[in-house]
Amino acid sequence: MLGVDQHVWRDVDPCTRGPRMLTGMVDLSRDQGHRTRARLLDLAPGRSGAVYGA
């Protein structure tokens, strides 16, 4: 199972600290004990369907 979330940091200056908007993708697969073990797969700069598709 794949989880996708978009996040905006309002207090970040993109010129000095990187992107303000990120799309995160997380693996939400369950282990053999049926517990969810969230694992970060990727953080991509931007917040749109095109970012997710790429």
N, C-alpha and C. Protein backbone atom coordinates (compact mmCIF):
# COMPACT_ATOMS: atom_id res chain seq x y z
N MET A 1 0.85 -1.16 0.00
CA MET A 1 0.00 0.00 0.00
C MET A 1 0.90 1.23 0.00
N LEU A 2 0.51 2.23 -0.74
CA LEU A 2 1.30 3.46 -0.88
C LEU A 2 0.54 4.62 -0.26
N GLY A 3 1.22 5.38 0.58
CA GLY A 3 0.65 6.59 1.16
C GLY A 3 1.33 7.80 0.53
N VAL A 4 0.54 8.83 0.22
CA VAL A 4 1.07 10.05 -0.38
C VAL A 4 0.56 11.23 0.42
N ASP A 5 1.45 12.15 0.74
CA ASP A 5 1.06 13.33 1.48
C ASP A 5 1.82 14.53 0.92
N GLN A 6 1.18 15.67 0.95
CA GLN A 6 1.82 16.90 0.48
C GLN A 6 1.94 17.83 1.67
N HIS A 7 3.08 18.50 1.76
CA HIS A 7 3.34 19.34 2.92
C HIS A 7 3.90 20.68 2.48
N VAL A 8 3.50 21.73 3.20
CA VAL A 8 4.00 23.08 2.95
C VAL A 8 4.58 23.62 4.25
N TRP A 9 5.83 24.05 4.20
CA TRP A 9 6.45 24.74 5.32
C TRP A 9 6.28 26.23 5.08
N ARG A 10 5.55 26.90 5.92
CA ARG A 10 5.28 28.32 5.73
C ARG A 10 6.43 29.22 6.18
N ASP A 11 7.31 28.72 7.03
CA ASP A 11 8.38 29.55 7.58
C ASP A 11 9.74 29.29 6.93
N VAL A 12 9.77 28.63 5.79
CA VAL A 12 11.03 28.30 5.13
C VAL A 12 11.28 29.25 3.96
N ASP A 13 12.49 29.76 3.90
CA ASP A 13 12.91 30.59 2.78
C ASP A 13 13.51 29.68 1.71
N PRO A 14 12.87 29.50 0.55
CA PRO A 14 13.37 28.56 -0.46
C PRO A 14 14.73 28.94 -1.02
N CYS A 15 15.14 30.18 -0.88
CA CYS A 15 16.46 30.59 -1.38
C CYS A 15 17.59 30.09 -0.50
N THR A 16 17.32 29.91 0.80
CA THR A 16 18.39 29.51 1.71
C THR A 16 18.20 28.14 2.33
N ARG A 17 16.96 27.60 2.34
CA ARG A 17 16.73 26.35 3.05
C ARG A 17 16.08 25.27 2.22
N GLY A 18 15.99 25.42 0.92
CA GLY A 18 15.39 24.38 0.09
C GLY A 18 13.93 24.64 -0.19
N PRO A 19 13.23 23.63 -0.74
CA PRO A 19 11.84 23.83 -1.18
C PRO A 19 10.88 23.98 -0.01
N ARG A 20 9.85 24.79 -0.23
CA ARG A 20 8.79 24.96 0.77
C ARG A 20 7.75 23.87 0.65
N MET A 21 7.53 23.37 -0.57
CA MET A 21 6.47 22.40 -0.82
C MET A 21 7.09 21.05 -1.21
N LEU A 22 6.64 19.99 -0.55
CA LEU A 22 7.15 18.65 -0.82
C LEU A 22 6.00 17.66 -0.94
N THR A 23 6.19 16.64 -1.77
CA THR A 23 5.28 15.50 -1.84
C THR A 23 6.06 14.29 -1.32
N GLY A 24 5.50 13.64 -0.32
CA GLY A 24 6.14 12.47 0.27
C GLY A 24 5.40 11.20 -0.09
N MET A 25 6.14 10.15 -0.36
CA MET A 25 5.57 8.84 -0.66
C MET A 25 6.08 7.83 0.37
N VAL A 26 5.15 7.07 0.97
CA VAL A 26 5.47 6.16 2.06
C VAL A 26 4.91 4.78 1.75
N ASP A 27 5.74 3.75 1.97
CA ASP A 27 5.30 2.36 1.86
C ASP A 27 4.57 2.00 3.15
N LEU A 28 3.29 1.66 3.06
CA LEU A 28 2.48 1.32 4.22
C LEU A 28 2.14 -0.17 4.26
N SER A 29 3.03 -0.99 3.75
CA SER A 29 2.81 -2.43 3.75
C SER A 29 2.77 -2.97 5.17
N ARG A 30 2.08 -4.08 5.33
CA ARG A 30 2.01 -4.72 6.65
C ARG A 30 3.01 -5.88 6.72
N ASP A 31 3.55 -6.10 7.93
CA ASP A 31 4.47 -7.22 8.12
C ASP A 31 3.67 -8.49 8.41
N GLN A 32 4.35 -9.58 8.75
CA GLN A 32 3.65 -10.85 8.96
C GLN A 32 2.76 -10.83 10.19
N GLY A 33 3.02 -9.89 11.11
CA GLY A 33 2.16 -9.73 12.28
C GLY A 33 1.01 -8.77 12.02
N HIS A 34 0.84 -8.37 10.76
CA HIS A 34 -0.22 -7.46 10.31
C HIS A 34 -0.09 -6.05 10.88
N ARG A 35 1.14 -5.68 11.25
CA ARG A 35 1.40 -4.31 11.72
C ARG A 35 1.91 -3.48 10.56
N THR A 36 1.46 -2.26 10.48
CA THR A 36 1.94 -1.35 9.43
C THR A 36 3.33 -0.88 9.79
N ARG A 37 4.24 -1.01 8.86
CA ARG A 37 5.62 -0.56 9.04
C ARG A 37 5.89 0.52 8.00
N ALA A 38 5.58 1.76 8.34
CA ALA A 38 5.75 2.87 7.40
C ALA A 38 7.22 3.05 7.07
N ARG A 39 7.51 3.18 5.78
CA ARG A 39 8.89 3.37 5.31
C ARG A 39 8.87 4.46 4.26
N LEU A 40 9.62 5.53 4.51
CA LEU A 40 9.69 6.64 3.57
C LEU A 40 10.38 6.19 2.29
N LEU A 41 9.72 6.37 1.15
CA LEU A 41 10.29 5.99 -0.13
C LEU A 41 10.94 7.17 -0.84
N ASP A 42 10.28 8.34 -0.79
CA ASP A 42 10.81 9.49 -1.53
C ASP A 42 10.15 10.77 -1.04
N LEU A 43 10.91 11.86 -1.12
CA LEU A 43 10.40 13.22 -0.94
C LEU A 43 10.75 13.96 -2.21
N ALA A 44 9.75 14.50 -2.88
CA ALA A 44 9.97 15.21 -4.14
C ALA A 44 9.57 16.67 -3.97
N PRO A 45 10.40 17.60 -4.44
CA PRO A 45 10.03 19.01 -4.35
C PRO A 45 8.84 19.31 -5.23
N GLY A 46 7.91 20.07 -4.68
CA GLY A 46 6.70 20.44 -5.41
C GLY A 46 5.48 19.80 -4.79
N ARG A 47 4.32 20.20 -5.27
CA ARG A 47 3.06 19.71 -4.70
C ARG A 47 1.99 19.68 -5.77
N SER A 48 2.10 18.69 -6.68
CA SER A 48 1.12 18.60 -7.76
C SER A 48 1.04 17.17 -8.26
N GLY A 49 0.07 16.92 -9.11
CA GLY A 49 -0.06 15.59 -9.72
C GLY A 49 1.11 15.27 -10.61
N ALA A 50 1.69 16.29 -11.25
CA ALA A 50 2.86 16.06 -12.11
C ALA A 50 4.06 15.60 -11.28
N VAL A 51 4.23 16.17 -10.10
CA VAL A 51 5.33 15.74 -9.21
C VAL A 51 5.12 14.30 -8.80
N TYR A 52 3.91 13.95 -8.42
CA TYR A 52 3.59 12.59 -8.02
C TYR A 52 3.82 11.61 -9.18
N GLY A 53 3.41 11.98 -10.37
CA GLY A 53 3.57 11.12 -11.54
C GLY A 53 5.02 10.87 -11.92
N ALA A 54 5.84 11.88 -11.71
CA ALA A 54 7.27 11.75 -12.05
C ALA A 54 7.97 10.87 -11.05
